[in-house]
Structures are given as C-alpha cells and as structure tokens.
Amino acid sequence: MIKITHAPWKEIIIHEIIEHKLDDFLQLRCIGVAPGGLGKPLLWIDGLALDRTSMLETESIVQEKLAGKLHWSSLSYALMPKFKAMVVLREGNVRIPIINVSNSPFFQAVSKWLKETR
C-alpha cells in the first residue's frame, strides 16, 4: 500500500510586496496579450486579487522547500472586494480569469497576514 503524507508549508518568505490599484493591476495582465486574448489568471481570496512569483529552483531553494520554507520573489496584489470569475477589459477586449482560492488554508493565511501587516 502507498503511504500518502500531507506536509503543509511551515513558512512563506516573501521578498517583495507590491500593492496596486485594481485597474492598474488588471492592465498589467494585458501587456503582450493580443486583442481578444486571454491574460494570465489572478488568484482571489477574501477581497484581494493576488499574483505571486516563485524564486528560481536553485539547489539551495529546493533544499529550503524540502524543509518547508517557500520563497516567493514577489507578491503583487490589489483590493478586489467582490469575486468575479472573469474580468473583461474594454481596451483590447482582453479577458482576465480570476481563480477563487478561498477554500485554501494556505492562501487564507497569506490573505490574513497581508491584511494585518499592510
């Protein structure tokens, strides 16, 4: 029989945090997207739209991950009070998917921390 183990992250280390106005954040998702195209998705939790960038998978970063420490080189976010599964920007008719991650304890912790520290 296969043993399955769940090992949640012990620590998230965020090296840069950038807060945007929602309109600016959505416009950033349109850069390089053809008119009528689909932009890179955003994550949504509890009134925040988020995007994160992981650090490159160097040997030392992989060792940190195995020890339960997740490194993000950046976390960008904007206030987005109401969830929408898709946002369509008028200019260029670009669609930005929004993924609701409210059921994730991991992202609940990130949202709570952001709201308490920002």
PDB file of N, CA and C in Angstrom:
ATOM      1  N   MET A   1       0.830  -1.173   0.000  1.00  0.00           N
ATOM      2  CA  MET A   1       0.000   0.000   0.000  1.00  0.00           C
ATOM      3  C   MET A   1       0.885   1.249   0.000  1.00  0.00           C
ATOM      4  N   ILE A   2       0.420   2.288  -0.685  1.00  0.00           N
ATOM      5  CA  ILE A   2       1.157   3.542  -0.789  1.00  0.00           C
ATOM      6  C   ILE A   2       0.847   4.422   0.409  1.00  0.00           C
ATOM      7  N   LYS A   3       1.892   4.954   0.992  1.00  0.00           N
ATOM      8  CA  LYS A   3       1.718   5.901   2.097  1.00  0.00           C
ATOM      9  C   LYS A   3       1.608   7.304   1.497  1.00  0.00           C
ATOM     10  N   ILE A   4       0.618   8.046   1.936  1.00  0.00           N
ATOM     11  CA  ILE A   4       0.435   9.422   1.483  1.00  0.00           C
ATOM     12  C   ILE A   4       0.565  10.332   2.696  1.00  0.00           C
ATOM     13  N   THR A   5       1.396  11.354   2.549  1.00  0.00           N
ATOM     14  CA  THR A   5       1.631  12.291   3.637  1.00  0.00           C
ATOM     15  C   THR A   5       1.354  13.702   3.151  1.00  0.00           C
ATOM     16  N   HIS A   6       0.632  14.458   3.935  1.00  0.00           N
ATOM     17  CA  HIS A   6       0.425  15.874   3.631  1.00  0.00           C
ATOM     18  C   HIS A   6       1.365  16.676   4.513  1.00  0.00           C
ATOM     19  N   ALA A   7       2.207  17.488   3.904  1.00  0.00           N
ATOM     20  CA  ALA A   7       3.180  18.287   4.657  1.00  0.00           C
ATOM     21  C   ALA A   7       3.012  19.755   4.274  1.00  0.00           C
ATOM     22  N   PRO A   8       2.111  20.467   4.956  1.00  0.00           N
ATOM     23  CA  PRO A   8       1.898  21.884   4.630  1.00  0.00           C
ATOM     24  C   PRO A   8       3.174  22.708   4.809  1.00  0.00           C
ATOM     25  N   TRP A   9       3.218  23.820   4.099  1.00  0.00           N
ATOM     26  CA  TRP A   9       4.354  24.717   4.246  1.00  0.00           C
ATOM     27  C   TRP A   9       4.435  25.212   5.678  1.00  0.00           C
ATOM     28  N   LYS A  10       5.646  25.333   6.191  1.00  0.00           N
ATOM     29  CA  LYS A  10       5.865  25.837   7.539  1.00  0.00           C
ATOM     30  C   LYS A  10       6.072  27.352   7.527  1.00  0.00           C
ATOM     31  N   GLU A  11       6.593  27.851   6.410  1.00  0.00           N
ATOM     32  CA  GLU A  11       6.925  29.271   6.325  1.00  0.00           C
ATOM     33  C   GLU A  11       6.882  29.716   4.868  1.00  0.00           C
ATOM     34  N   ILE A  12       6.375  30.921   4.659  1.00  0.00           N
ATOM     35  CA  ILE A  12       6.424  31.549   3.343  1.00  0.00           C
ATOM     36  C   ILE A  12       7.286  32.789   3.488  1.00  0.00           C
ATOM     37  N   ILE A  13       8.294  32.898   2.669  1.00  0.00           N
ATOM     38  CA  ILE A  13       9.190  34.043   2.718  1.00  0.00           C
ATOM     39  C   ILE A  13       8.934  34.853   1.452  1.00  0.00           C
ATOM     40  N   ILE A  14       8.448  36.081   1.639  1.00  0.00           N
ATOM     41  CA  ILE A  14       8.112  36.960   0.512  1.00  0.00           C
ATOM     42  C   ILE A  14       9.162  38.055   0.469  1.00  0.00           C
ATOM     43  N   HIS A  15       9.869  38.127  -0.642  1.00  0.00           N
ATOM     44  CA  HIS A  15      10.984  39.060  -0.738  1.00  0.00           C
ATOM     45  C   HIS A  15      10.584  40.455  -1.197  1.00  0.00           C
ATOM     46  N   GLU A  16       9.453  40.590  -1.881  1.00  0.00           N
ATOM     47  CA  GLU A  16       8.968  41.902  -2.306  1.00  0.00           C
ATOM     48  C   GLU A  16       7.447  41.860  -2.357  1.00  0.00           C
ATOM     49  N   ILE A  17       6.816  42.905  -1.840  1.00  0.00           N
ATOM     50  CA  ILE A  17       5.354  43.006  -1.856  1.00  0.00           C
ATOM     51  C   ILE A  17       4.981  44.299  -2.554  1.00  0.00           C
ATOM     52  N   ILE A  18       4.090  44.190  -3.529  1.00  0.00           N
ATOM     53  CA  ILE A  18       3.673  45.354  -4.311  1.00  0.00           C
ATOM     54  C   ILE A  18       2.153  45.443  -4.284  1.00  0.00           C
ATOM     55  N   GLU A  19       1.642  46.565  -3.793  1.00  0.00           N
ATOM     56  CA  GLU A  19       0.199  46.798  -3.822  1.00  0.00           C
ATOM     57  C   GLU A  19      -0.120  47.704  -5.003  1.00  0.00           C
ATOM     58  N   HIS A  20      -1.144  47.323  -5.773  1.00  0.00           N
ATOM     59  CA  HIS A  20      -1.578  48.094  -6.938  1.00  0.00           C
ATOM     60  C   HIS A  20      -3.014  48.542  -6.751  1.00  0.00           C
ATOM     61  N   LYS A  21      -3.413  49.547  -7.508  1.00  0.00           N
ATOM     62  CA  LYS A  21      -4.829  49.834  -7.681  1.00  0.00           C
ATOM     63  C   LYS A  21      -5.352  48.749  -8.616  1.00  0.00           C
ATOM     64  N   LEU A  22      -6.585  48.322  -8.413  1.00  0.00           N
ATOM     65  CA  LEU A  22      -7.122  47.203  -9.187  1.00  0.00           C
ATOM     66  C   LEU A  22      -7.044  47.445 -10.692  1.00  0.00           C
ATOM     67  N   ASP A  23      -7.426  48.638 -11.156  1.00  0.00           N
ATOM     68  CA  ASP A  23      -7.388  48.909 -12.596  1.00  0.00           C
ATOM     69  C   ASP A  23      -5.977  48.767 -13.154  1.00  0.00           C
ATOM     70  N   ASP A  24      -4.992  49.270 -12.420  1.00  0.00           N
ATOM     71  CA  ASP A  24      -3.596  49.148 -12.862  1.00  0.00           C
ATOM     72  C   ASP A  24      -3.150  47.688 -12.880  1.00  0.00           C
ATOM     73  N   PHE A  25      -3.546  46.949 -11.855  1.00  0.00           N
ATOM     74  CA  PHE A  25      -3.180  45.533 -11.750  1.00  0.00           C
ATOM     75  C   PHE A  25      -3.736  44.748 -12.937  1.00  0.00           C
ATOM     76  N   LEU A  26      -4.979  45.011 -13.278  1.00  0.00           N
ATOM     77  CA  LEU A  26      -5.593  44.324 -14.418  1.00  0.00           C
ATOM     78  C   LEU A  26      -4.925  44.731 -15.724  1.00  0.00           C
ATOM     79  N   GLN A  27      -4.581  46.001 -15.857  1.00  0.00           N
ATOM     80  CA  GLN A  27      -3.892  46.457 -17.077  1.00  0.00           C
ATOM     81  C   GLN A  27      -2.546  45.761 -17.237  1.00  0.00           C
ATOM     82  N   LEU A  28      -1.857  45.520 -16.137  1.00  0.00           N
ATOM     83  CA  LEU A  28      -0.571  44.813 -16.208  1.00  0.00           C
ATOM     84  C   LEU A  28      -0.740  43.412 -16.797  1.00  0.00           C
ATOM     85  N   ARG A  29      -1.909  42.805 -16.574  1.00  0.00           N
ATOM     86  CA  ARG A  29      -2.173  41.464 -17.093  1.00  0.00           C
ATOM     87  C   ARG A  29      -2.355  41.466 -18.599  1.00  0.00           C
ATOM     88  N   CYS A  30      -2.544  42.645 -19.193  1.00  0.00           N
ATOM     89  CA  CYS A  30      -2.804  42.764 -20.633  1.00  0.00           C
ATOM     90  C   CYS A  30      -1.540  42.952 -21.456  1.00  0.00           C
ATOM     91  N   ILE A  31      -0.446  43.263 -20.795  1.00  0.00           N
ATOM     92  CA  ILE A  31       0.791  43.517 -21.534  1.00  0.00           C
ATOM     93  C   ILE A  31       1.172  42.285 -22.338  1.00  0.00           C
ATOM     94  N   GLY A  32       1.324  42.476 -23.643  1.00  0.00           N
ATOM     95  CA  GLY A  32       1.722  41.389 -24.531  1.00  0.00           C
ATOM     96  C   GLY A  32       0.598  40.455 -24.936  1.00  0.00           C
ATOM     97  N   VAL A  33      -0.642  40.745 -24.532  1.00  0.00           N
ATOM     98  CA  VAL A  33      -1.779  39.894 -24.886  1.00  0.00           C
ATOM     99  C   VAL A  33      -2.458  40.484 -26.117  1.00  0.00           C
ATOM    100  N   ALA A  34      -2.679  39.666 -27.118  1.00  0.00           N
ATOM    101  CA  ALA A  34      -3.331  40.117 -28.347  1.00  0.00           C
ATOM    102  C   ALA A  34      -4.774  40.529 -28.053  1.00  0.00           C
ATOM    103  N   PRO A  35      -5.303  41.508 -28.786  1.00  0.00           N
ATOM    104  CA  PRO A  35      -6.705  41.897 -28.606  1.00  0.00           C
ATOM    105  C   PRO A  35      -7.625  40.676 -28.690  1.00  0.00           C
ATOM    106  N   GLY A  36      -8.545  40.603 -27.742  1.00  0.00           N
ATOM    107  CA  GLY A  36      -9.462  39.467 -27.684  1.00  0.00           C
ATOM    108  C   GLY A  36      -8.863  38.256 -26.993  1.00  0.00           C
ATOM    109  N   GLY A  37      -7.621  38.388 -26.527  1.00  0.00           N
ATOM    110  CA  GLY A  37      -6.923  37.256 -25.923  1.00  0.00           C
ATOM    111  C   GLY A  37      -7.226  37.064 -24.444  1.00  0.00           C
ATOM    112  N   LEU A  38      -6.576  36.071 -23.900  1.00  0.00           N
ATOM    113  CA  LEU A  38      -6.744  35.689 -22.502  1.00  0.00           C
ATOM    114  C   LEU A  38      -5.469  36.032 -21.746  1.00  0.00           C
ATOM    115  N   GLY A  39      -5.595  36.873 -20.723  1.00  0.00           N
ATOM    116  CA  GLY A  39      -4.450  37.252 -19.911  1.00  0.00           C
ATOM    117  C   GLY A  39      -4.149  36.202 -18.867  1.00  0.00           C
ATOM    118  N   LYS A  40      -3.031  36.387 -18.181  1.00  0.00           N
ATOM    119  CA  LYS A  40      -2.632  35.470 -17.110  1.00  0.00           C
ATOM    120  C   LYS A  40      -3.618  35.583 -15.953  1.00  0.00           C
ATOM    121  N   PRO A  41      -4.083  34.463 -15.402  1.00  0.00           N
ATOM    122  CA  PRO A  41      -5.063  34.497 -14.309  1.00  0.00           C
ATOM    123  C   PRO A  41      -4.522  35.143 -13.039  1.00  0.00           C
ATOM    124  N   LEU A  42      -5.452  35.662 -12.259  1.00  0.00           N
ATOM    125  CA  LEU A  42      -5.165  36.146 -10.918  1.00  0.00           C
ATOM    126  C   LEU A  42      -5.843  35.225  -9.923  1.00  0.00           C
ATOM    127  N   LEU A  43      -5.342  35.206  -8.714  1.00  0.00           N
ATOM    128  CA  LEU A  43      -5.974  34.465  -7.628  1.00  0.00           C
ATOM    129  C   LEU A  43      -6.798  35.443  -6.806  1.00  0.00           C
ATOM    130  N   TRP A  44      -7.939  34.997  -6.267  1.00  0.00           N
ATOM    131  CA  TRP A  44      -8.780  35.854  -5.436  1.00  0.00           C
ATOM    132  C   TRP A  44      -9.063  35.158  -4.124  1.00  0.00           C
ATOM    133  N   ILE A  45      -8.935  35.929  -3.039  1.00  0.00           N
ATOM    134  CA  ILE A  45      -9.314  35.428  -1.725  1.00  0.00           C
ATOM    135  C   ILE A  45      -9.706  36.604  -0.845  1.00  0.00           C
ATOM    136  N   ASP A  46     -10.897  36.525  -0.302  1.00  0.00           N
ATOM    137  CA  ASP A  46     -11.358  37.439   0.735  1.00  0.00           C
ATOM    138  C   ASP A  46     -11.098  38.915   0.413  1.00  0.00           C
ATOM    139  N   GLY A  47     -11.470  39.327  -0.787  1.00  0.00           N
ATOM    140  CA  GLY A  47     -11.356  40.737  -1.153  1.00  0.00           C
ATOM    141  C   GLY A  47     -10.025  41.158  -1.734  1.00  0.00           C
ATOM    142  N   LEU A  48      -9.131  40.207  -1.992  1.00  0.00           N
ATOM    143  CA  LEU A  48      -7.827  40.518  -2.575  1.00  0.00           C
ATOM    144  C   LEU A  48      -7.619  39.738  -3.868  1.00  0.00           C
ATOM    145  N   ALA A  49      -7.082  40.402  -4.877  1.00  0.00           N
ATOM    146  CA  ALA A  49      -6.610  39.732  -6.084  1.00  0.00           C
ATOM    147  C   ALA A  49      -5.097  39.627  -5.944  1.00  0.00           C
ATOM    148  N   LEU A  50      -4.559  38.438  -6.160  1.00  0.00           N
ATOM    149  CA  LEU A  50      -3.141  38.169  -5.903  1.00  0.00           C
ATOM    150  C   LEU A  50      -2.439  37.570  -7.113  1.00  0.00           C
ATOM    151  N   ASP A  51      -1.145  37.811  -7.168  1.00  0.00           N
ATOM    152  CA  ASP A  51      -0.259  37.096  -8.078  1.00  0.00           C
ATOM    153  C   ASP A  51       1.068  36.947  -7.354  1.00  0.00           C
ATOM    154  N   ARG A  52       1.708  35.833  -7.537  1.00  0.00           N
ATOM    155  CA  ARG A  52       2.998  35.614  -6.886  1.00  0.00           C
ATOM    156  C   ARG A  52       3.971  35.024  -7.889  1.00  0.00           C
ATOM    157  N   THR A  53       5.244  35.323  -7.641  1.00  0.00           N
ATOM    158  CA  THR A  53       6.311  34.807  -8.486  1.00  0.00           C
ATOM    159  C   THR A  53       7.264  34.025  -7.599  1.00  0.00           C
ATOM    160  N   SER A  54       7.455  32.763  -7.928  1.00  0.00           N
ATOM    161  CA  SER A  54       8.370  31.920  -7.148  1.00  0.00           C
ATOM    162  C   SER A  54       9.812  32.224  -7.516  1.00  0.00           C
ATOM    163  N   MET A  55      10.692  31.925  -6.603  1.00  0.00           N
ATOM    164  CA  MET A  55      12.117  32.077  -6.883  1.00  0.00           C
ATOM    165  C   MET A  55      12.566  30.940  -7.791  1.00  0.00           C
ATOM    166  N   LEU A  56      13.641  31.167  -8.496  1.00  0.00           N
ATOM    167  CA  LEU A  56      14.191  30.129  -9.366  1.00  0.00           C
ATOM    168  C   LEU A  56      14.569  28.905  -8.546  1.00  0.00           C
ATOM    169  N   GLU A  57      14.425  27.759  -9.143  1.00  0.00           N
ATOM    170  CA  GLU A  57      14.669  26.485  -8.451  1.00  0.00           C
ATOM    171  C   GLU A  57      16.166  26.157  -8.392  1.00  0.00           C
ATOM    172  N   THR A  58      16.886  26.899  -7.587  1.00  0.00           N
ATOM    173  CA  THR A  58      18.297  26.589  -7.381  1.00  0.00           C
ATOM    174  C   THR A  58      18.394  25.452  -6.361  1.00  0.00           C
ATOM    175  N   GLU A  59      19.574  24.905  -6.216  1.00  0.00           N
ATOM    176  CA  GLU A  59      19.761  23.816  -5.256  1.00  0.00           C
ATOM    177  C   GLU A  59      19.406  24.255  -3.833  1.00  0.00           C
ATOM    178  N   SER A  60      19.800  25.472  -3.466  1.00  0.00           N
ATOM    179  CA  SER A  60      19.513  25.944  -2.107  1.00  0.00           C
ATOM    180  C   SER A  60      18.016  26.215  -1.914  1.00  0.00           C
ATOM    181  N   ILE A  61      17.332  26.697  -2.932  1.00  0.00           N
ATOM    182  CA  ILE A  61      15.890  26.934  -2.819  1.00  0.00           C
ATOM    183  C   ILE A  61      15.152  25.609  -2.696  1.00  0.00           C
ATOM    184  N   VAL A  62      15.572  24.618  -3.446  1.00  0.00           N
ATOM    185  CA  VAL A  62      14.945  23.298  -3.342  1.00  0.00           C
ATOM    186  C   VAL A  62      15.155  22.728  -1.939  1.00  0.00           C
ATOM    187  N   GLN A  63      16.331  22.899  -1.368  1.00  0.00           N
ATOM    188  CA  GLN A  63      16.587  22.436  -0.005  1.00  0.00           C
ATOM    189  C   GLN A  63      15.666  23.141   0.995  1.00  0.00           C
ATOM    190  N   GLU A  64      15.480  24.449   0.795  1.00  0.00           N
ATOM    191  CA  GLU A  64      14.577  25.210   1.662  1.00  0.00           C
ATOM    192  C   GLU A  64      13.147  24.676   1.522  1.00  0.00           C
ATOM    193  N   LYS A  65      12.728  24.418   0.295  1.00  0.00           N
ATOM    194  CA  LYS A  65      11.374  23.893   0.074  1.00  0.00           C
ATOM    195  C   LYS A  65      11.185  22.548   0.765  1.00  0.00           C
ATOM    196  N   LEU A  66      12.175  21.685   0.667  1.00  0.00           N
ATOM    197  CA  LEU A  66      12.082  20.384   1.320  1.00  0.00           C
ATOM    198  C   LEU A  66      12.000  20.529   2.840  1.00  0.00           C
ATOM    199  N   ALA A  67      12.526  21.629   3.352  1.00  0.00           N
ATOM    200  CA  ALA A  67      12.452  21.899   4.788  1.00  0.00           C
ATOM    201  C   ALA A  67      11.154  22.633   5.159  1.00  0.00           C
ATOM    202  N   GLY A  68      10.301  22.906   4.164  1.00  0.00           N
ATOM    203  CA  GLY A  68       9.009  23.532   4.438  1.00  0.00           C
ATOM    204  C   GLY A  68       8.967  25.036   4.272  1.00  0.00           C
ATOM    205  N   LYS A  69      10.030  25.621   3.704  1.00  0.00           N
ATOM    206  CA  LYS A  69      10.083  27.070   3.510  1.00  0.00           C
ATOM    207  C   LYS A  69       9.904  27.396   2.027  1.00  0.00           C
ATOM    208  N   LEU A  70       8.852  28.126   1.732  1.00  0.00           N
ATOM    209  CA  LEU A  70       8.544  28.523   0.364  1.00  0.00           C
ATOM    210  C   LEU A  70       9.009  29.952   0.149  1.00  0.00           C
ATOM    211  N   HIS A  71       9.781  30.198  -0.907  1.00  0.00           N
ATOM    212  CA  HIS A  71      10.269  31.536  -1.235  1.00  0.00           C
ATOM    213  C   HIS A  71       9.522  32.073  -2.445  1.00  0.00           C
ATOM    214  N   TRP A  72       8.922  33.263  -2.285  1.00  0.00           N
ATOM    215  CA  TRP A  72       8.365  33.997  -3.414  1.00  0.00           C
ATOM    216  C   TRP A  72       9.248  35.208  -3.633  1.00  0.00           C
ATOM    217  N   SER A  73       9.682  35.421  -4.855  1.00  0.00           N
ATOM    218  CA  SER A  73      10.471  36.623  -5.110  1.00  0.00           C
ATOM    219  C   SER A  73       9.578  37.851  -5.024  1.00  0.00           C
ATOM    220  N   SER A  74       8.287  37.714  -5.382  1.00  0.00           N
ATOM    221  CA  SER A  74       7.378  38.846  -5.228  1.00  0.00           C
ATOM    222  C   SER A  74       5.937  38.382  -5.060  1.00  0.00           C
ATOM    223  N   LEU A  75       5.176  39.228  -4.409  1.00  0.00           N
ATOM    224  CA  LEU A  75       3.734  39.060  -4.260  1.00  0.00           C
ATOM    225  C   LEU A  75       3.114  40.402  -4.637  1.00  0.00           C
ATOM    226  N   SER A  76       2.274  40.390  -5.661  1.00  0.00           N
ATOM    227  CA  SER A  76       1.556  41.589  -6.086  1.00  0.00           C
ATOM    228  C   SER A  76       0.093  41.385  -5.765  1.00  0.00           C
ATOM    229  N   TYR A  77      -0.558  42.480  -5.348  1.00  0.00           N
ATOM    230  CA  TYR A  77      -1.970  42.343  -5.018  1.00  0.00           C
ATOM    231  C   TYR A  77      -2.701  43.663  -5.191  1.00  0.00           C
ATOM    232  N   ALA A  78      -4.032  43.558  -5.249  1.00  0.00           N
ATOM    233  CA  ALA A  78      -4.911  44.723  -5.297  1.00  0.00           C
ATOM    234  C   ALA A  78      -6.191  44.368  -4.563  1.00  0.00           C
ATOM    235  N   LEU A  79      -6.834  45.380  -4.006  1.00  0.00           N
ATOM    236  CA  LEU A  79      -8.133  45.166  -3.378  1.00  0.00           C
ATOM    237  C   LEU A  79      -9.163  44.897  -4.469  1.00  0.00           C
ATOM    238  N   MET A  80      -9.928  43.828  -4.290  1.00  0.00           N
ATOM    239  CA  MET A  80     -10.992  43.451  -5.228  1.00  0.00           C
ATOM    240  C   MET A  80     -12.129  42.902  -4.378  1.00  0.00           C
ATOM    241  N   PRO A  81     -12.994  43.786  -3.874  1.00  0.00           N
ATOM    242  CA  PRO A  81     -13.987  43.381  -2.882  1.00  0.00           C
ATOM    243  C   PRO A  81     -14.876  42.209  -3.289  1.00  0.00           C
ATOM    244  N   LYS A  82     -15.312  42.179  -4.539  1.00  0.00           N
ATOM    245  CA  LYS A  82     -16.227  41.116  -4.968  1.00  0.00           C
ATOM    246  C   LYS A  82     -15.548  40.194  -5.971  1.00  0.00           C
ATOM    247  N   PHE A  83     -15.796  38.903  -5.810  1.00  0.00           N
ATOM    248  CA  PHE A  83     -15.241  37.912  -6.728  1.00  0.00           C
ATOM    249  C   PHE A  83     -15.989  37.931  -8.050  1.00  0.00           C
ATOM    250  N   LYS A  84     -15.229  37.885  -9.142  1.00  0.00           N
ATOM    251  CA  LYS A  84     -15.761  37.700 -10.493  1.00  0.00           C
ATOM    252  C   LYS A  84     -14.893  36.638 -11.139  1.00  0.00           C
ATOM    253  N   ALA A  85     -15.496  35.674 -11.790  1.00  0.00           N
ATOM    254  CA  ALA A  85     -14.728  34.588 -12.409  1.00  0.00           C
ATOM    255  C   ALA A  85     -13.911  35.068 -13.608  1.00  0.00           C
ATOM    256  N   MET A  86     -14.333  36.196 -14.207  1.00  0.00           N
ATOM    257  CA  MET A  86     -13.640  36.722 -15.373  1.00  0.00           C
ATOM    258  C   MET A  86     -13.816  38.235 -15.383  1.00  0.00           C
ATOM    259  N   VAL A  87     -12.749  38.944 -15.680  1.00  0.00           N
ATOM    260  CA  VAL A  87     -12.825  40.381 -15.871  1.00  0.00           C
ATOM    261  C   VAL A  87     -12.462  40.642 -17.325  1.00  0.00           C
ATOM    262  N   VAL A  88     -13.300  41.411 -18.014  1.00  0.00           N
ATOM    263  CA  VAL A  88     -13.037  41.759 -19.412  1.00  0.00           C
ATOM    264  C   VAL A  88     -12.693  43.232 -19.472  1.00  0.00           C
ATOM    265  N   LEU A  89     -11.511  43.518 -19.983  1.00  0.00           N
ATOM    266  CA  LEU A  89     -11.076  44.903 -20.105  1.00  0.00           C
ATOM    267  C   LEU A  89     -11.515  45.453 -21.450  1.00  0.00           C
ATOM    268  N   ARG A  90     -12.105  46.617 -21.415  1.00  0.00           N
ATOM    269  CA  ARG A  90     -12.646  47.209 -22.648  1.00  0.00           C
ATOM    270  C   ARG A  90     -11.576  47.406 -23.702  1.00  0.00           C
ATOM    271  N   GLU A  91     -10.462  47.991 -23.300  1.00  0.00           N
ATOM    272  CA  GLU A  91      -9.378  48.201 -24.255  1.00  0.00           C
ATOM    273  C   GLU A  91      -8.808  46.855 -24.673  1.00  0.00           C
ATOM    274  N   GLY A  92      -8.954  46.517 -25.907  1.00  0.00           N
ATOM    275  CA  GLY A  92      -8.409  45.274 -26.428  1.00  0.00           C
ATOM    276  C   GLY A  92      -9.262  44.049 -26.167  1.00  0.00           C
ATOM    277  N   ASN A  93     -10.360  44.233 -25.425  1.00  0.00           N
ATOM    278  CA  ASN A  93     -11.253  43.105 -25.137  1.00  0.00           C
ATOM    279  C   ASN A  93     -10.484  41.908 -24.553  1.00  0.00           C
ATOM    280  N   VAL A  94      -9.533  42.180 -23.679  1.00  0.00           N
ATOM    281  CA  VAL A  94      -8.732  41.125 -23.054  1.00  0.00           C
ATOM    282  C   VAL A  94      -9.484  40.576 -21.846  1.00  0.00           C
ATOM    283  N   ARG A  95      -9.518  39.261 -21.730  1.00  0.00           N
ATOM    284  CA  ARG A  95     -10.185  38.591 -20.616  1.00  0.00           C
ATOM    285  C   ARG A  95      -9.140  38.122 -19.603  1.00  0.00           C
ATOM    286  N   ILE A  96      -9.405  38.426 -18.342  1.00  0.00           N
ATOM    287  CA  ILE A  96      -8.511  38.014 -17.253  1.00  0.00           C
ATOM    288  C   ILE A  96      -9.288  37.043 -16.369  1.00  0.00           C
ATOM    289  N   PRO A  97      -8.916  35.761 -16.359  1.00  0.00           N
ATOM    290  CA  PRO A  97      -9.574  34.805 -15.456  1.00  0.00           C
ATOM    291  C   PRO A  97      -9.191  35.093 -14.000  1.00  0.00           C
ATOM    292  N   ILE A  98     -10.145  34.925 -13.114  1.00  0.00           N
ATOM    293  CA  ILE A  98      -9.903  35.093 -11.680  1.00  0.00           C
ATOM    294  C   ILE A  98     -10.245  33.759 -11.016  1.00  0.00           C
ATOM    295  N   ILE A  99      -9.301  33.199 -10.285  1.00  0.00           N
ATOM    296  CA  ILE A  99      -9.488  31.894  -9.655  1.00  0.00           C
ATOM    297  C   ILE A  99      -9.732  32.095  -8.167  1.00  0.00           C
ATOM    298  N   ASN A 100     -10.859  31.612  -7.687  1.00  0.00           N
ATOM    299  CA  ASN A 100     -11.217  31.741  -6.275  1.00  0.00           C
ATOM    300  C   ASN A 100     -10.487  30.658  -5.476  1.00  0.00           C
ATOM    301  N   VAL A 101      -9.571  31.081  -4.616  1.00  0.00           N
ATOM    302  CA  VAL A 101      -8.811  30.135  -3.792  1.00  0.00           C
ATOM    303  C   VAL A 101      -9.213  30.248  -2.317  1.00  0.00           C
ATOM    304  N   SER A 102     -10.436  30.700  -2.084  1.00  0.00           N
ATOM    305  CA  SER A 102     -10.917  30.914  -0.713  1.00  0.00           C
ATOM    306  C   SER A 102     -10.929  29.658   0.139  1.00  0.00           C
ATOM    307  N   ASN A 103     -11.007  28.500  -0.482  1.00  0.00           N
ATOM    308  CA  ASN A 103     -11.051  27.252   0.291  1.00  0.00           C
ATOM    309  C   ASN A 103      -9.660  26.723   0.633  1.00  0.00           C
ATOM    310  N   SER A 104      -8.623  27.479   0.316  1.00  0.00           N
ATOM    311  CA  SER A 104      -7.255  27.045   0.584  1.00  0.00           C
ATOM    312  C   SER A 104      -6.740  27.626   1.899  1.00  0.00           C
ATOM    313  N   PRO A 105      -6.451  26.786   2.899  1.00  0.00           N
ATOM    314  CA  PRO A 105      -5.872  27.294   4.146  1.00  0.00           C
ATOM    315  C   PRO A 105      -4.562  28.052   3.910  1.00  0.00           C
ATOM    316  N   PHE A 106      -3.814  27.633   2.926  1.00  0.00           N
ATOM    317  CA  PHE A 106      -2.551  28.277   2.558  1.00  0.00           C
ATOM    318  C   PHE A 106      -2.804  29.739   2.170  1.00  0.00           C
ATOM    319  N   PHE A 107      -3.716  29.961   1.218  1.00  0.00           N
ATOM    320  CA  PHE A 107      -3.990  31.323   0.772  1.00  0.00           C
ATOM    321  C   PHE A 107      -4.799  32.111   1.799  1.00  0.00           C
ATOM    322  N   GLN A 108      -5.569  31.443   2.638  1.00  0.00           N
ATOM    323  CA  GLN A 108      -6.249  32.131   3.742  1.00  0.00           C
ATOM    324  C   GLN A 108      -5.205  32.748   4.674  1.00  0.00           C
ATOM    325  N   ALA A 109      -4.146  32.006   4.944  1.00  0.00           N
ATOM    326  CA  ALA A 109      -3.073  32.513   5.806  1.00  0.00           C
ATOM    327  C   ALA A 109      -2.370  33.703   5.160  1.00  0.00           C
ATOM    328  N   VAL A 110      -2.123  33.640   3.858  1.00  0.00           N
ATOM    329  CA  VAL A 110      -1.477  34.748   3.145  1.00  0.00           C
ATOM    330  C   VAL A 110      -2.364  35.987   3.203  1.00  0.00           C
ATOM    331  N   SER A 111      -3.655  35.822   2.929  1.00  0.00           N
ATOM    332  CA  SER A 111      -4.597  36.945   2.951  1.00  0.00           C
ATOM    333  C   SER A 111      -4.663  37.580   4.337  1.00  0.00           C
ATOM    334  N   LYS A 112      -4.781  36.769   5.355  1.00  0.00           N
ATOM    335  CA  LYS A 112      -4.860  37.267   6.728  1.00  0.00           C
ATOM    336  C   LYS A 112      -3.596  38.039   7.088  1.00  0.00           C
ATOM    337  N   TRP A 113      -2.443  37.486   6.753  1.00  0.00           N
ATOM    338  CA  TRP A 113      -1.176  38.139   7.053  1.00  0.00           C
ATOM    339  C   TRP A 113      -1.071  39.486   6.334  1.00  0.00           C
ATOM    340  N   LEU A 114      -1.434  39.511   5.050  1.00  0.00           N
ATOM    341  CA  LEU A 114      -1.376  40.766   4.284  1.00  0.00           C
ATOM    342  C   LEU A 114      -2.256  41.838   4.921  1.00  0.00           C
ATOM    343  N   LYS A 115      -3.465  41.455   5.282  1.00  0.00           N
ATOM    344  CA  LYS A 115      -4.406  42.416   5.858  1.00  0.00           C
ATOM    345  C   LYS A 115      -3.935  42.928   7.220  1.00  0.00           C
ATOM    346  N   GLU A 116      -3.249  42.095   7.965  1.00  0.00           N
ATOM    347  CA  GLU A 116      -2.756  42.507   9.288  1.00  0.00           C
ATOM    348  C   GLU A 116      -1.498  43.353   9.220  1.00  0.00           C
ATOM    349  N   THR A 117      -0.706  43.180   8.172  1.00  0.00           N
ATOM    350  CA  THR A 117       0.588  43.867   8.112  1.00  0.00           C
ATOM    351  C   THR A 117       0.614  45.039   7.144  1.00  0.00           C
ATOM    352  N   ARG A 118      -0.360  45.178   6.287  1.00  0.00           N
ATOM    353  CA  ARG A 118      -0.352  46.256   5.293  1.00  0.00           C
ATOM    354  C   ARG A 118      -1.290  47.355   5.660  1.00  0.00           C
TER     355      ARG A 118
END
